[in-house]
Amino acid sequence: MREGHKSIWFMFQINGSHTLAENIADNGGVREALLAYRNYRRRHGEEPILPGFQDFTHDQLFFLGFANVSDKLSLRTELFFQD
């Protein structure tokens, strides 16, 4: 949690059974995006790895990008619910 912000998780109790369909859809979307990215690489060849990321596979970099976007969405939610 970022200093000066309330986390949404402390403000609301979330019932996982109510969000199950959304969670499944989110995971399905990430899976399809990964398959599309792999297909792109197969058709167009491997992309060059950025300096400093040579120890990561292309799939690992895909998920790092996904995590980065997810974190930014989480920050927007926290900012929306801040005091």
C-alpha atoms as a PDB file:
ATOM      1  CA  MET A   1       0.000   0.000   0.000  1.00  0.00           C
ATOM      2  CA  ARG A   2       1.318   3.420  -0.888  1.00  0.00           C
ATOM      3  CA  GLU A   3       1.743   5.937   1.901  1.00  0.00           C
ATOM      4  CA  GLY A   4      -1.213   8.302   2.208  1.00  0.00           C
ATOM      5  CA  HIS A   5      -3.637   5.982   0.421  1.00  0.00           C
ATOM      6  CA  LYS A   6      -6.191   3.553   1.723  1.00  0.00           C
ATOM      7  CA  SER A   7      -6.144   0.239   0.009  1.00  0.00           C
ATOM      8  CA  ILE A   8      -9.433  -0.787  -1.549  1.00  0.00           C
ATOM      9  CA  TRP A   9      -9.007  -4.173   0.133  1.00  0.00           C
ATOM     10  CA  PHE A  10      -9.409  -2.547   3.541  1.00  0.00           C
ATOM     11  CA  MET A  11     -12.468  -0.592   2.470  1.00  0.00           C
ATOM     12  CA  PHE A  12     -14.508  -3.454   1.011  1.00  0.00           C
ATOM     13  CA  GLN A  13     -14.891  -7.095   1.800  1.00  0.00           C
ATOM     14  CA  ILE A  14     -14.905  -8.976  -1.498  1.00  0.00           C
ATOM     15  CA  ASN A  15     -16.716 -12.276  -1.892  1.00  0.00           C
ATOM     16  CA  GLY A  16     -14.612 -14.400  -4.217  1.00  0.00           C
ATOM     17  CA  SER A  17     -17.613 -16.360  -5.460  1.00  0.00           C
ATOM     18  CA  HIS A  18     -19.081 -13.104  -6.805  1.00  0.00           C
ATOM     19  CA  THR A  19     -15.922 -12.242  -8.737  1.00  0.00           C
ATOM     20  CA  LEU A  20     -15.158 -15.756  -9.972  1.00  0.00           C
ATOM     21  CA  ALA A  21     -16.523 -15.206 -13.500  1.00  0.00           C
ATOM     22  CA  GLU A  22     -14.558 -11.958 -13.861  1.00  0.00           C
ATOM     23  CA  ASN A  23     -11.376 -13.631 -12.602  1.00  0.00           C
ATOM     24  CA  ILE A  24     -11.819 -16.487 -15.074  1.00  0.00           C
ATOM     25  CA  ALA A  25     -12.416 -14.004 -17.908  1.00  0.00           C
ATOM     26  CA  ASP A  26      -9.323 -12.001 -16.926  1.00  0.00           C
ATOM     27  CA  ASN A  27      -7.167 -15.135 -16.898  1.00  0.00           C
ATOM     28  CA  GLY A  28      -8.628 -16.247 -20.218  1.00  0.00           C
ATOM     29  CA  GLY A  29      -7.805 -12.857 -21.715  1.00  0.00           C
ATOM     30  CA  VAL A  30      -4.198 -13.042 -20.538  1.00  0.00           C
ATOM     31  CA  ARG A  31      -3.923 -16.569 -21.932  1.00  0.00           C
ATOM     32  CA  GLU A  32      -5.239 -15.466 -25.334  1.00  0.00           C
ATOM     33  CA  ALA A  33      -2.907 -12.464 -25.368  1.00  0.00           C
ATOM     34  CA  LEU A  34       0.062 -14.732 -24.611  1.00  0.00           C
ATOM     35  CA  LEU A  35      -0.934 -17.138 -27.389  1.00  0.00           C
ATOM     36  CA  ALA A  36      -1.291 -14.208 -29.814  1.00  0.00           C
ATOM     37  CA  TYR A  37       2.144 -12.879 -28.773  1.00  0.00           C
ATOM     38  CA  ARG A  38       3.717 -16.313 -29.319  1.00  0.00           C
ATOM     39  CA  ASN A  39       2.044 -16.520 -32.735  1.00  0.00           C
ATOM     40  CA  TYR A  40       3.385 -13.045 -33.607  1.00  0.00           C
ATOM     41  CA  ARG A  41       6.917 -14.116 -32.649  1.00  0.00           C
ATOM     42  CA  ARG A  42       6.581 -17.303 -34.665  1.00  0.00           C
ATOM     43  CA  ARG A  43       5.505 -15.331 -37.763  1.00  0.00           C
ATOM     44  CA  HIS A  44       7.849 -12.344 -37.427  1.00  0.00           C
ATOM     45  CA  GLY A  45      10.822 -13.800 -35.578  1.00  0.00           C
ATOM     46  CA  GLU A  46      12.155 -13.186 -32.110  1.00  0.00           C
ATOM     47  CA  GLU A  47      12.320  -9.633 -30.875  1.00  0.00           C
ATOM     48  CA  PRO A  48      15.577  -8.223 -29.531  1.00  0.00           C
ATOM     49  CA  ILE A  49      15.839  -8.249 -25.748  1.00  0.00           C
ATOM     50  CA  LEU A  50      16.245  -4.853 -24.120  1.00  0.00           C
ATOM     51  CA  PRO A  51      19.504  -4.184 -22.269  1.00  0.00           C
ATOM     52  CA  GLY A  52      19.236  -5.293 -18.661  1.00  0.00           C
ATOM     53  CA  PHE A  53      16.595  -7.938 -19.437  1.00  0.00           C
ATOM     54  CA  GLN A  54      18.818 -10.544 -21.090  1.00  0.00           C
ATOM     55  CA  ASP A  55      18.229 -13.059 -18.288  1.00  0.00           C
ATOM     56  CA  PHE A  56      14.471 -13.202 -19.013  1.00  0.00           C
ATOM     57  CA  THR A  57      12.660 -15.264 -21.626  1.00  0.00           C
ATOM     58  CA  HIS A  58      10.166 -13.628 -23.968  1.00  0.00           C
ATOM     59  CA  ASP A  59       7.300 -15.229 -22.029  1.00  0.00           C
ATOM     60  CA  GLN A  60       8.673 -13.898 -18.743  1.00  0.00           C
ATOM     61  CA  LEU A  61       8.915 -10.407 -20.233  1.00  0.00           C
ATOM     62  CA  PHE A  62       5.295 -10.711 -21.398  1.00  0.00           C
ATOM     63  CA  PHE A  63       4.168 -11.392 -17.827  1.00  0.00           C
ATOM     64  CA  LEU A  64       6.355  -8.595 -16.448  1.00  0.00           C
ATOM     65  CA  GLY A  65       4.546  -6.252 -18.837  1.00  0.00           C
ATOM     66  CA  PHE A  66       1.187  -7.611 -17.710  1.00  0.00           C
ATOM     67  CA  ALA A  67       2.138  -7.157 -14.045  1.00  0.00           C
ATOM     68  CA  ASN A  68       3.233  -3.580 -14.749  1.00  0.00           C
ATOM     69  CA  VAL A  69      -0.154  -2.738 -16.289  1.00  0.00           C
ATOM     70  CA  SER A  70      -1.993  -4.474 -13.444  1.00  0.00           C
ATOM     71  CA  ASP A  71      -0.009  -2.490 -10.876  1.00  0.00           C
ATOM     72  CA  LYS A  72      -0.879   0.792 -12.611  1.00  0.00           C
ATOM     73  CA  LEU A  73      -4.571  -0.133 -12.604  1.00  0.00           C
ATOM     74  CA  SER A  74      -4.292  -0.936  -8.899  1.00  0.00           C
ATOM     75  CA  LEU A  75      -2.701   2.473  -8.258  1.00  0.00           C
ATOM     76  CA  ARG A  76      -5.562   4.208 -10.108  1.00  0.00           C
ATOM     77  CA  THR A  77      -8.057   2.372  -7.908  1.00  0.00           C
ATOM     78  CA  GLU A  78      -6.167   3.384  -4.775  1.00  0.00           C
ATOM     79  CA  LEU A  79      -6.018   7.015  -5.900  1.00  0.00           C
ATOM     80  CA  PHE A  80      -9.747   7.002  -6.632  1.00  0.00           C
ATOM     81  CA  PHE A  81     -10.532   5.817  -3.099  1.00  0.00           C
ATOM     82  CA  GLN A  82      -7.981   7.965  -1.243  1.00  0.00           C
ATOM     83  CA  ASP A  83      -9.109  10.381   1.450  1.00  0.00           C
END
